Amino acid sequence: PAPRREGRIAWYGPPHLARLRTIAALLERGHTLGGI
């Protein structure tokens, strides 16, 4: 998802970290980035 922006600074939160961990888990299960 798009980050929250304050001026030129992009801020990420726990949902972004959870999404990255989900992507890592799916990659470990053999899925492609296209499938993800």
Full PDB file with SEQRES, HELIX, SHEET, SSBOND, CRYST1, ORIGX, SCALE, CONECT and MASTER records, all heavy atoms in Angstrom:
SEQRES   1 A   36  PRO ALA PRO ARG ARG GLU GLY ARG ILE ALA TRP TYR GLY          
SEQRES   2 A   36  PRO PRO HIS LEU ALA ARG LEU ARG THR ILE ALA ALA LEU          
SEQRES   3 A   36  LEU GLU ARG GLY HIS THR LEU GLY GLY ILE                      
HELIX    1 AA1 PRO A   14  GLU A   28  1                                  15    
SHEET    1 AA1 2 ARG A   4  GLU A   6  0                                        
SHEET    2 AA1 2 ILE A   9  TRP A  11 -1                                        
CRYST1    1.000    1.000    1.000  90.00  90.00  90.00 P 1           1          
ORIGX1      1.000000  0.000000  0.000000        0.00000                         
ORIGX2      0.000000  1.000000  0.000000        0.00000                         
ORIGX3      0.000000  0.000000  1.000000        0.00000                         
SCALE1      1.000000  0.000000  0.000000        0.00000                         
SCALE2      0.000000  1.000000  0.000000        0.00000                         
SCALE3      0.000000  0.000000  1.000000        0.00000                         
ATOM      1  N   PRO A   1       0.844  -1.198   0.000  1.00  0.00           N  
ATOM      2  CA  PRO A   1       0.000   0.000   0.000  1.00  0.00           C  
ATOM      3  C   PRO A   1       0.878   1.247   0.000  1.00  0.00           C  
ATOM      4  O   PRO A   1       2.041   1.206   0.427  1.00  0.00           O  
ATOM      5  CB  PRO A   1      -0.797  -0.111   1.307  1.00  0.00           C  
ATOM      6  CG  PRO A   1      -0.619  -1.523   1.774  1.00  0.00           C  
ATOM      7  CD  PRO A   1       0.682  -2.010   1.223  1.00  0.00           C  
ATOM      8  N   ALA A   2       0.324   2.347  -0.438  1.00  0.00           N  
ATOM      9  CA  ALA A   2       1.083   3.597  -0.450  1.00  0.00           C  
ATOM     10  C   ALA A   2       1.393   4.030   0.983  1.00  0.00           C  
ATOM     11  O   ALA A   2       0.568   3.853   1.888  1.00  0.00           O  
ATOM     12  CB  ALA A   2       0.285   4.681  -1.166  1.00  0.00           C  
ATOM     13  N   PRO A   3       2.559   4.585   1.229  1.00  0.00           N  
ATOM     14  CA  PRO A   3       2.892   5.062   2.575  1.00  0.00           C  
ATOM     15  C   PRO A   3       2.175   6.373   2.883  1.00  0.00           C  
ATOM     16  O   PRO A   3       1.644   7.038   1.990  1.00  0.00           O  
ATOM     17  CB  PRO A   3       4.409   5.265   2.499  1.00  0.00           C  
ATOM     18  CG  PRO A   3       4.658   5.612   1.063  1.00  0.00           C  
ATOM     19  CD  PRO A   3       3.668   4.796   0.270  1.00  0.00           C  
ATOM     20  N   ARG A   4       2.170   6.716   4.142  1.00  0.00           N  
ATOM     21  CA  ARG A   4       1.670   8.030   4.554  1.00  0.00           C  
ATOM     22  C   ARG A   4       2.799   9.032   4.372  1.00  0.00           C  
ATOM     23  O   ARG A   4       3.944   8.758   4.731  1.00  0.00           O  
ATOM     24  CB  ARG A   4       1.235   7.982   6.027  1.00  0.00           C  
ATOM     25  CG  ARG A   4       0.759   9.327   6.583  1.00  0.00           C  
ATOM     26  CD  ARG A   4       0.286   9.172   8.026  1.00  0.00           C  
ATOM     27  NE  ARG A   4       1.371   8.740   8.890  1.00  0.00           N  
ATOM     28  CZ  ARG A   4       2.246   9.581   9.456  1.00  0.00           C  
ATOM     29  NH1 ARG A   4       2.195  10.881   9.207  1.00  0.00           N  
ATOM     30  NH2 ARG A   4       3.193   9.105  10.249  1.00  0.00           N  
ATOM     31  N   ARG A   5       2.503  10.184   3.833  1.00  0.00           N  
ATOM     32  CA  ARG A   5       3.555  11.155   3.528  1.00  0.00           C  
ATOM     33  C   ARG A   5       3.414  12.403   4.386  1.00  0.00           C  
ATOM     34  O   ARG A   5       2.315  12.905   4.608  1.00  0.00           O  
ATOM     35  CB  ARG A   5       3.526  11.530   2.048  1.00  0.00           C  
ATOM     36  CG  ARG A   5       3.997  10.398   1.150  1.00  0.00           C  
ATOM     37  CD  ARG A   5       4.369  10.892  -0.237  1.00  0.00           C  
ATOM     38  NE  ARG A   5       5.015   9.838  -1.006  1.00  0.00           N  
ATOM     39  CZ  ARG A   5       6.303   9.574  -0.992  1.00  0.00           C  
ATOM     40  NH1 ARG A   5       7.115  10.307  -0.248  1.00  0.00           N  
ATOM     41  NH2 ARG A   5       6.810   8.601  -1.717  1.00  0.00           N  
ATOM     42  N   GLU A   6       4.549  12.847   4.879  1.00  0.00           N  
ATOM     43  CA  GLU A   6       4.667  14.132   5.548  1.00  0.00           C  
ATOM     44  C   GLU A   6       5.740  14.912   4.803  1.00  0.00           C  
ATOM     45  O   GLU A   6       6.940  14.671   4.990  1.00  0.00           O  
ATOM     46  CB  GLU A   6       5.044  13.961   7.017  1.00  0.00           C  
ATOM     47  CG  GLU A   6       3.929  13.413   7.888  1.00  0.00           C  
ATOM     48  CD  GLU A   6       4.324  13.352   9.359  1.00  0.00           C  
ATOM     49  OE1 GLU A   6       5.493  13.717   9.672  1.00  0.00           O  
ATOM     50  OE2 GLU A   6       3.483  12.952  10.177  1.00  0.00           O  
ATOM     51  N   GLY A   7       5.297  15.796   3.923  1.00  0.00           N  
ATOM     52  CA  GLY A   7       6.260  16.489   3.072  1.00  0.00           C  
ATOM     53  C   GLY A   7       6.930  15.499   2.140  1.00  0.00           C  
ATOM     54  O   GLY A   7       6.278  14.778   1.395  1.00  0.00           O  
ATOM     55  N   ARG A   8       8.244  15.428   2.233  1.00  0.00           N  
ATOM     56  CA  ARG A   8       8.994  14.510   1.378  1.00  0.00           C  
ATOM     57  C   ARG A   8       9.299  13.191   2.072  1.00  0.00           C  
ATOM     58  O   ARG A   8       9.962  12.332   1.491  1.00  0.00           O  
ATOM     59  CB  ARG A   8      10.310  15.181   0.948  1.00  0.00           C  
ATOM     60  CG  ARG A   8      10.098  16.480   0.167  1.00  0.00           C  
ATOM     61  CD  ARG A   8      11.407  17.087  -0.271  1.00  0.00           C  
ATOM     62  NE  ARG A   8      12.131  16.211  -1.186  1.00  0.00           N  
ATOM     63  CZ  ARG A   8      13.336  16.497  -1.696  1.00  0.00           C  
ATOM     64  NH1 ARG A   8      13.938  17.623  -1.365  1.00  0.00           N  
ATOM     65  NH2 ARG A   8      13.919  15.651  -2.517  1.00  0.00           N  
ATOM     66  N   ILE A   9       8.835  13.036   3.295  1.00  0.00           N  
ATOM     67  CA  ILE A   9       9.130  11.820   4.066  1.00  0.00           C  
ATOM     68  C   ILE A   9       7.966  10.843   3.932  1.00  0.00           C  
ATOM     69  O   ILE A   9       6.799  11.206   4.151  1.00  0.00           O  
ATOM     70  CB  ILE A   9       9.378  12.136   5.548  1.00  0.00           C  
ATOM     71  CG1 ILE A   9      10.552  13.113   5.691  1.00  0.00           C  
ATOM     72  CG2 ILE A   9       9.640  10.850   6.325  1.00  0.00           C  
ATOM     73  CD1 ILE A   9      10.801  13.542   7.123  1.00  0.00           C  
ATOM     74  N   ALA A  10       8.268   9.600   3.572  1.00  0.00           N  
ATOM     75  CA  ALA A  10       7.273   8.532   3.493  1.00  0.00           C  
ATOM     76  C   ALA A  10       7.330   7.713   4.777  1.00  0.00           C  
ATOM     77  O   ALA A  10       8.410   7.254   5.171  1.00  0.00           O  
ATOM     78  CB  ALA A  10       7.540   7.648   2.284  1.00  0.00           C  
ATOM     79  N   TRP A  11       6.181   7.536   5.413  1.00  0.00           N  
ATOM     80  CA  TRP A  11       6.105   6.775   6.649  1.00  0.00           C  
ATOM     81  C   TRP A  11       5.321   5.485   6.409  1.00  0.00           C  
ATOM     82  O   TRP A  11       4.250   5.491   5.808  1.00  0.00           O  
ATOM     83  CB  TRP A  11       5.415   7.582   7.748  1.00  0.00           C  
ATOM     84  CG  TRP A  11       6.228   8.738   8.247  1.00  0.00           C  
ATOM     85  CD1 TRP A  11       6.058  10.053   7.958  1.00  0.00           C  
ATOM     86  CD2 TRP A  11       7.342   8.669   9.140  1.00  0.00           C  
ATOM     87  NE1 TRP A  11       6.992  10.819   8.594  1.00  0.00           N  
ATOM     88  CE2 TRP A  11       7.801   9.994   9.345  1.00  0.00           C  
ATOM     89  CE3 TRP A  11       8.005   7.621   9.788  1.00  0.00           C  
ATOM     90  CZ2 TRP A  11       8.882  10.306  10.159  1.00  0.00           C  
ATOM     91  CZ3 TRP A  11       9.084   7.922  10.596  1.00  0.00           C  
ATOM     92  CH2 TRP A  11       9.514   9.248  10.780  1.00  0.00           C  
ATOM     93  N   TYR A  12       5.874   4.388   6.919  1.00  0.00           N  
ATOM     94  CA  TYR A  12       5.240   3.075   6.814  1.00  0.00           C  
ATOM     95  C   TYR A  12       4.861   2.605   8.214  1.00  0.00           C  
ATOM     96  O   TYR A  12       5.479   2.986   9.211  1.00  0.00           O  
ATOM     97  CB  TYR A  12       6.195   2.063   6.183  1.00  0.00           C  
ATOM     98  CG  TYR A  12       6.629   2.420   4.783  1.00  0.00           C  
ATOM     99  CD1 TYR A  12       7.706   3.278   4.565  1.00  0.00           C  
ATOM    100  CD2 TYR A  12       5.967   1.908   3.675  1.00  0.00           C  
ATOM    101  CE1 TYR A  12       8.115   3.612   3.281  1.00  0.00           C  
ATOM    102  CE2 TYR A  12       6.366   2.230   2.389  1.00  0.00           C  
ATOM    103  CZ  TYR A  12       7.439   3.083   2.202  1.00  0.00           C  
ATOM    104  OH  TYR A  12       7.828   3.407   0.932  1.00  0.00           O  
ATOM    105  N   GLY A  13       3.837   1.739   8.289  1.00  0.00           N  
ATOM    106  CA  GLY A  13       3.377   1.252   9.583  1.00  0.00           C  
ATOM    107  C   GLY A  13       3.351  -0.263   9.657  1.00  0.00           C  
ATOM    108  O   GLY A  13       3.796  -0.962   8.734  1.00  0.00           O  
ATOM    109  N   PRO A  14       2.811  -0.822  10.755  1.00  0.00           N  
ATOM    110  CA  PRO A  14       2.734  -2.275  10.929  1.00  0.00           C  
ATOM    111  C   PRO A  14       2.050  -3.004   9.778  1.00  0.00           C  
ATOM    112  O   PRO A  14       2.469  -4.112   9.435  1.00  0.00           O  
ATOM    113  CB  PRO A  14       1.957  -2.424  12.242  1.00  0.00           C  
ATOM    114  CG  PRO A  14       2.285  -1.175  12.997  1.00  0.00           C  
ATOM    115  CD  PRO A  14       2.363  -0.086  11.962  1.00  0.00           C  
ATOM    116  N   PRO A  15       0.985  -2.456   9.142  1.00  0.00           N  
ATOM    117  CA  PRO A  15       0.393  -3.181   8.009  1.00  0.00           C  
ATOM    118  C   PRO A  15       1.381  -3.402   6.863  1.00  0.00           C  
ATOM    119  O   PRO A  15       1.327  -4.435   6.193  1.00  0.00           O  
ATOM    120  CB  PRO A  15      -0.775  -2.283   7.581  1.00  0.00           C  
ATOM    121  CG  PRO A  15      -1.144  -1.527   8.810  1.00  0.00           C  
ATOM    122  CD  PRO A  15       0.161  -1.271   9.499  1.00  0.00           C  
ATOM    123  N   HIS A  16       2.284  -2.443   6.639  1.00  0.00           N  
ATOM    124  CA  HIS A  16       3.283  -2.608   5.584  1.00  0.00           C  
ATOM    125  C   HIS A  16       4.261  -3.729   5.947  1.00  0.00           C  
ATOM    126  O   HIS A  16       4.633  -4.544   5.096  1.00  0.00           O  
ATOM    127  CB  HIS A  16       4.048  -1.304   5.367  1.00  0.00           C  
ATOM    128  CG  HIS A  16       3.211  -0.187   4.836  1.00  0.00           C  
ATOM    129  ND1 HIS A  16       2.603   0.737   5.662  1.00  0.00           N  
ATOM    130  CD2 HIS A  16       2.856   0.156   3.563  1.00  0.00           C  
ATOM    131  CE1 HIS A  16       1.926   1.607   4.929  1.00  0.00           C  
ATOM    132  NE2 HIS A  16       2.058   1.280   3.655  1.00  0.00           N  
ATOM    133  N   LEU A  17       4.656  -3.767   7.227  1.00  0.00           N  
ATOM    134  CA  LEU A  17       5.567  -4.823   7.663  1.00  0.00           C  
ATOM    135  C   LEU A  17       4.886  -6.185   7.564  1.00  0.00           C  
ATOM    136  O   LEU A  17       5.498  -7.172   7.121  1.00  0.00           O  
ATOM    137  CB  LEU A  17       6.031  -4.560   9.095  1.00  0.00           C  
ATOM    138  CG  LEU A  17       7.026  -5.567   9.682  1.00  0.00           C  
ATOM    139  CD1 LEU A  17       8.287  -5.661   8.828  1.00  0.00           C  
ATOM    140  CD2 LEU A  17       7.390  -5.178  11.118  1.00  0.00           C  
ATOM    141  N   ALA A  18       3.603  -6.254   7.965  1.00  0.00           N  
ATOM    142  CA  ALA A  18       2.861  -7.514   7.848  1.00  0.00           C  
ATOM    143  C   ALA A  18       2.762  -7.964   6.395  1.00  0.00           C  
ATOM    144  O   ALA A  18       2.903  -9.151   6.080  1.00  0.00           O  
ATOM    145  CB  ALA A  18       1.474  -7.358   8.451  1.00  0.00           C  
ATOM    146  N   ARG A  19       2.547  -7.003   5.479  1.00  0.00           N  
ATOM    147  CA  ARG A  19       2.464  -7.352   4.064  1.00  0.00           C  
ATOM    148  C   ARG A  19       3.796  -7.912   3.559  1.00  0.00           C  
ATOM    149  O   ARG A  19       3.828  -8.912   2.817  1.00  0.00           O  
ATOM    150  CB  ARG A  19       2.067  -6.117   3.261  1.00  0.00           C  
ATOM    151  CG  ARG A  19       2.028  -6.312   1.747  1.00  0.00           C  
ATOM    152  CD  ARG A  19       0.942  -7.275   1.314  1.00  0.00           C  
ATOM    153  NE  ARG A  19      -0.379  -6.820   1.668  1.00  0.00           N  
ATOM    154  CZ  ARG A  19      -1.087  -5.944   0.965  1.00  0.00           C  
ATOM    155  NH1 ARG A  19      -0.601  -5.413  -0.147  1.00  0.00           N  
ATOM    156  NH2 ARG A  19      -2.300  -5.610   1.361  1.00  0.00           N  
ATOM    157  N   LEU A  20       4.905  -7.297   3.968  1.00  0.00           N  
ATOM    158  CA  LEU A  20       6.216  -7.786   3.542  1.00  0.00           C  
ATOM    159  C   LEU A  20       6.470  -9.202   4.068  1.00  0.00           C  
ATOM    160  O   LEU A  20       7.057 -10.039   3.365  1.00  0.00           O  
ATOM    161  CB  LEU A  20       7.318  -6.837   4.013  1.00  0.00           C  
ATOM    162  CG  LEU A  20       7.369  -5.482   3.305  1.00  0.00           C  
ATOM    163  CD1 LEU A  20       8.381  -4.563   3.990  1.00  0.00           C  
ATOM    164  CD2 LEU A  20       7.723  -5.648   1.826  1.00  0.00           C  
ATOM    165  N   ARG A  21       6.035  -9.472   5.277  1.00  0.00           N  
ATOM    166  CA  ARG A  21       6.223 -10.822   5.829  1.00  0.00           C  
ATOM    167  C   ARG A  21       5.338 -11.830   5.116  1.00  0.00           C  
ATOM    168  O   ARG A  21       5.713 -12.993   4.939  1.00  0.00           O  
ATOM    169  CB  ARG A  21       5.946 -10.794   7.331  1.00  0.00           C  
ATOM    170  CG  ARG A  21       7.059 -10.080   8.107  1.00  0.00           C  
ATOM    171  CD  ARG A  21       6.739  -9.908   9.576  1.00  0.00           C  
ATOM    172  NE  ARG A  21       7.897  -9.363  10.292  1.00  0.00           N  
ATOM    173  CZ  ARG A  21       7.846  -8.844  11.506  1.00  0.00           C  
ATOM    174  NH1 ARG A  21       6.684  -8.804  12.154  1.00  0.00           N  
ATOM    175  NH2 ARG A  21       8.925  -8.369  12.089  1.00  0.00           N  
ATOM    176  N   THR A  22       4.146 -11.387   4.706  1.00  0.00           N  
ATOM    177  CA  THR A  22       3.280 -12.261   3.917  1.00  0.00           C  
ATOM    178  C   THR A  22       3.931 -12.586   2.576  1.00  0.00           C  
ATOM    179  O   THR A  22       3.919 -13.739   2.129  1.00  0.00           O  
ATOM    180  CB  THR A  22       1.915 -11.583   3.686  1.00  0.00           C  
ATOM    181  OG1 THR A  22       1.282 -11.391   4.949  1.00  0.00           O  
ATOM    182  CG2 THR A  22       1.022 -12.440   2.808  1.00  0.00           C  
ATOM    183  N   ILE A  23       4.490 -11.575   1.927  1.00  0.00           N  
ATOM    184  CA  ILE A  23       5.170 -11.796   0.650  1.00  0.00           C  
ATOM    185  C   ILE A  23       6.315 -12.791   0.833  1.00  0.00           C  
ATOM    186  O   ILE A  23       6.491 -13.720   0.031  1.00  0.00           O  
ATOM    187  CB  ILE A  23       5.695 -10.457   0.092  1.00  0.00           C  
ATOM    188  CG1 ILE A  23       4.518  -9.561  -0.311  1.00  0.00           C  
ATOM    189  CG2 ILE A  23       6.620 -10.688  -1.097  1.00  0.00           C  
ATOM    190  CD1 ILE A  23       4.927  -8.135  -0.639  1.00  0.00           C  
ATOM    191  N   ALA A  24       7.091 -12.620   1.909  1.00  0.00           N  
ATOM    192  CA  ALA A  24       8.209 -13.534   2.160  1.00  0.00           C  
ATOM    193  C   ALA A  24       7.710 -14.965   2.359  1.00  0.00           C  
ATOM    194  O   ALA A  24       8.301 -15.922   1.844  1.00  0.00           O  
ATOM    195  CB  ALA A  24       8.995 -13.069   3.382  1.00  0.00           C  
ATOM    196  N   ALA A  25       6.596 -15.128   3.101  1.00  0.00           N  
ATOM    197  CA  ALA A  25       6.054 -16.470   3.343  1.00  0.00           C  
ATOM    198  C   ALA A  25       5.594 -17.115   2.047  1.00  0.00           C  
ATOM    199  O   ALA A  25       5.815 -18.311   1.814  1.00  0.00           O  
ATOM    200  CB  ALA A  25       4.900 -16.393   4.346  1.00  0.00           C  
ATOM    201  N   LEU A  26       4.937 -16.334   1.186  1.00  0.00           N  
ATOM    202  CA  LEU A  26       4.459 -16.880  -0.082  1.00  0.00           C  
ATOM    203  C   LEU A  26       5.621 -17.223  -1.009  1.00  0.00           C  
ATOM    204  O   LEU A  26       5.580 -18.224  -1.731  1.00  0.00           O  
ATOM    205  CB  LEU A  26       3.509 -15.890  -0.752  1.00  0.00           C  
ATOM    206  CG  LEU A  26       2.156 -15.710  -0.047  1.00  0.00           C  
ATOM    207  CD1 LEU A  26       1.377 -14.557  -0.656  1.00  0.00           C  
ATOM    208  CD2 LEU A  26       1.335 -16.992  -0.104  1.00  0.00           C  
ATOM    209  N   LEU A  27       6.666 -16.406  -0.996  1.00  0.00           N  
ATOM    210  CA  LEU A  27       7.850 -16.726  -1.802  1.00  0.00           C  
ATOM    211  C   LEU A  27       8.480 -18.030  -1.332  1.00  0.00           C  
ATOM    212  O   LEU A  27       8.917 -18.854  -2.147  1.00  0.00           O  
ATOM    213  CB  LEU A  27       8.872 -15.582  -1.725  1.00  0.00           C  
ATOM    214  CG  LEU A  27       8.517 -14.303  -2.483  1.00  0.00           C  
ATOM    215  CD1 LEU A  27       9.518 -13.198  -2.144  1.00  0.00           C  
ATOM    216  CD2 LEU A  27       8.505 -14.552  -3.995  1.00  0.00           C  
ATOM    217  N   GLU A  28       8.519 -18.235  -0.014  1.00  0.00           N  
ATOM    218  CA  GLU A  28       9.076 -19.472   0.529  1.00  0.00           C  
ATOM    219  C   GLU A  28       8.245 -20.679   0.116  1.00  0.00           C  
ATOM    220  O   GLU A  28       8.764 -21.794   0.007  1.00  0.00           O  
ATOM    221  CB  GLU A  28       9.151 -19.392   2.061  1.00  0.00           C  
ATOM    222  CG  GLU A  28      10.240 -18.452   2.557  1.00  0.00           C  
ATOM    223  CD  GLU A  28      10.253 -18.361   4.068  1.00  0.00           C  
ATOM    224  OE1 GLU A  28       9.432 -19.057   4.714  1.00  0.00           O  
ATOM    225  OE2 GLU A  28      11.063 -17.587   4.603  1.00  0.00           O  
ATOM    226  N   ARG A  29       6.950 -20.479  -0.119  1.00  0.00           N  
ATOM    227  CA  ARG A  29       6.075 -21.579  -0.539  1.00  0.00           C  
ATOM    228  C   ARG A  29       6.151 -21.827  -2.039  1.00  0.00           C  
ATOM    229  O   ARG A  29       5.433 -22.659  -2.566  1.00  0.00           O  
ATOM    230  CB  ARG A  29       4.628 -21.265  -0.143  1.00  0.00           C  
ATOM    231  CG  ARG A  29       4.402 -21.262   1.368  1.00  0.00           C  
ATOM    232  CD  ARG A  29       3.016 -20.721   1.715  1.00  0.00           C  
ATOM    233  NE  ARG A  29       1.969 -21.580   1.214  1.00  0.00           N  
ATOM    234  CZ  ARG A  29       1.464 -22.627   1.878  1.00  0.00           C  
ATOM    235  NH1 ARG A  29       1.933 -22.930   3.064  1.00  0.00           N  
ATOM    236  NH2 ARG A  29       0.505 -23.352   1.348  1.00  0.00           N  
ATOM    237  N   GLY A  30       7.009 -21.062  -2.737  1.00  0.00           N  
ATOM    238  CA  GLY A  30       7.237 -21.322  -4.151  1.00  0.00           C  
ATOM    239  C   GLY A  30       6.442 -20.461  -5.099  1.00  0.00           C  
ATOM    240  O   GLY A  30       6.461 -20.692  -6.309  1.00  0.00           O  
ATOM    241  N   HIS A  31       5.742 -19.447  -4.601  1.00  0.00           N  
ATOM    242  CA  HIS A  31       4.953 -18.588  -5.471  1.00  0.00           C  
ATOM    243  C   HIS A  31       5.839 -17.521  -6.113  1.00  0.00           C  
ATOM    244  O   HIS A  31       6.821 -17.072  -5.527  1.00  0.00           O  
ATOM    245  CB  HIS A  31       3.823 -17.917  -4.687  1.00  0.00           C  
ATOM    246  CG  HIS A  31       2.848 -18.895  -4.107  1.00  0.00           C  
ATOM    247  ND1 HIS A  31       1.972 -19.607  -4.883  1.00  0.00           N  
ATOM    248  CD2 HIS A  31       2.643 -19.295  -2.829  1.00  0.00           C  
ATOM    249  CE1 HIS A  31       1.240 -20.406  -4.102  1.00  0.00           C  
ATOM    250  NE2 HIS A  31       1.642 -20.233  -2.860  1.00  0.00           N  
ATOM    251  N   THR A  32       5.467 -17.101  -7.299  1.00  0.00           N  
ATOM    252  CA  THR A  32       6.177 -16.037  -7.991  1.00  0.00           C  
ATOM    253  C   THR A  32       5.640 -14.691  -7.548  1.00  0.00           C  
ATOM    254  O   THR A  32       4.529 -14.587  -7.012  1.00  0.00           O  
ATOM    255  CB  THR A  32       6.012 -16.167  -9.514  1.00  0.00           C  
ATOM    256  OG1 THR A  32       4.625 -15.959  -9.840  1.00  0.00           O  
ATOM    257  CG2 THR A  32       6.446 -17.549  -9.990  1.00  0.00           C  
ATOM    258  N   LEU A  33       6.411 -13.642  -7.806  1.00  0.00           N  
ATOM    259  CA  LEU A  33       5.936 -12.308  -7.478  1.00  0.00           C  
ATOM    260  C   LEU A  33       4.685 -11.960  -8.282  1.00  0.00           C  
ATOM    261  O   LEU A  33       3.797 -11.264  -7.800  1.00  0.00           O  
ATOM    262  CB  LEU A  33       7.033 -11.276  -7.727  1.00  0.00           C  
ATOM    263  CG  LEU A  33       8.152 -11.234  -6.682  1.00  0.00           C  
ATOM    264  CD1 LEU A  33       9.225 -10.241  -7.108  1.00  0.00           C  
ATOM    265  CD2 LEU A  33       7.610 -10.862  -5.313  1.00  0.00           C  
ATOM    266  N   GLY A  34       4.612 -12.460  -9.521  1.00  0.00           N  
ATOM    267  CA  GLY A  34       3.409 -12.231 -10.315  1.00  0.00           C  
ATOM    268  C   GLY A  34       2.184 -12.856  -9.678  1.00  0.00           C  
ATOM    269  O   GLY A  34       1.114 -12.241  -9.634  1.00  0.00           O  
ATOM    270  N   GLY A  35       2.322 -14.080  -9.185  1.00  0.00           N  
ATOM    271  CA  GLY A  35       1.207 -14.741  -8.518  1.00  0.00           C  
ATOM    272  C   GLY A  35       0.820 -14.038  -7.230  1.00  0.00           C  
ATOM    273  O   GLY A  35      -0.365 -13.925  -6.897  1.00  0.00           O  
ATOM    274  N   ILE A  36       1.836 -13.571  -6.491  1.00  0.00           N  
ATOM    275  CA  ILE A  36       1.560 -12.850  -5.245  1.00  0.00           C  
ATOM    276  C   ILE A  36       0.823 -11.545  -5.550  1.00  0.00           C  
ATOM    277  O   ILE A  36      -0.125 -11.168  -4.852  1.00  0.00           O  
ATOM    278  CB  ILE A  36       2.867 -12.587  -4.479  1.00  0.00           C  
ATOM    279  CG1 ILE A  36       3.487 -13.922  -4.025  1.00  0.00           C  
ATOM    280  CG2 ILE A  36       2.613 -11.693  -3.266  1.00  0.00           C  
ATOM    281  CD1 ILE A  36       4.879 -13.787  -3.466  1.00  0.00           C  
TER     282      ILE A  36                                                      
MASTER        0    0    0    1    2    0    0    6  281    1    0    3          
END                                                                             
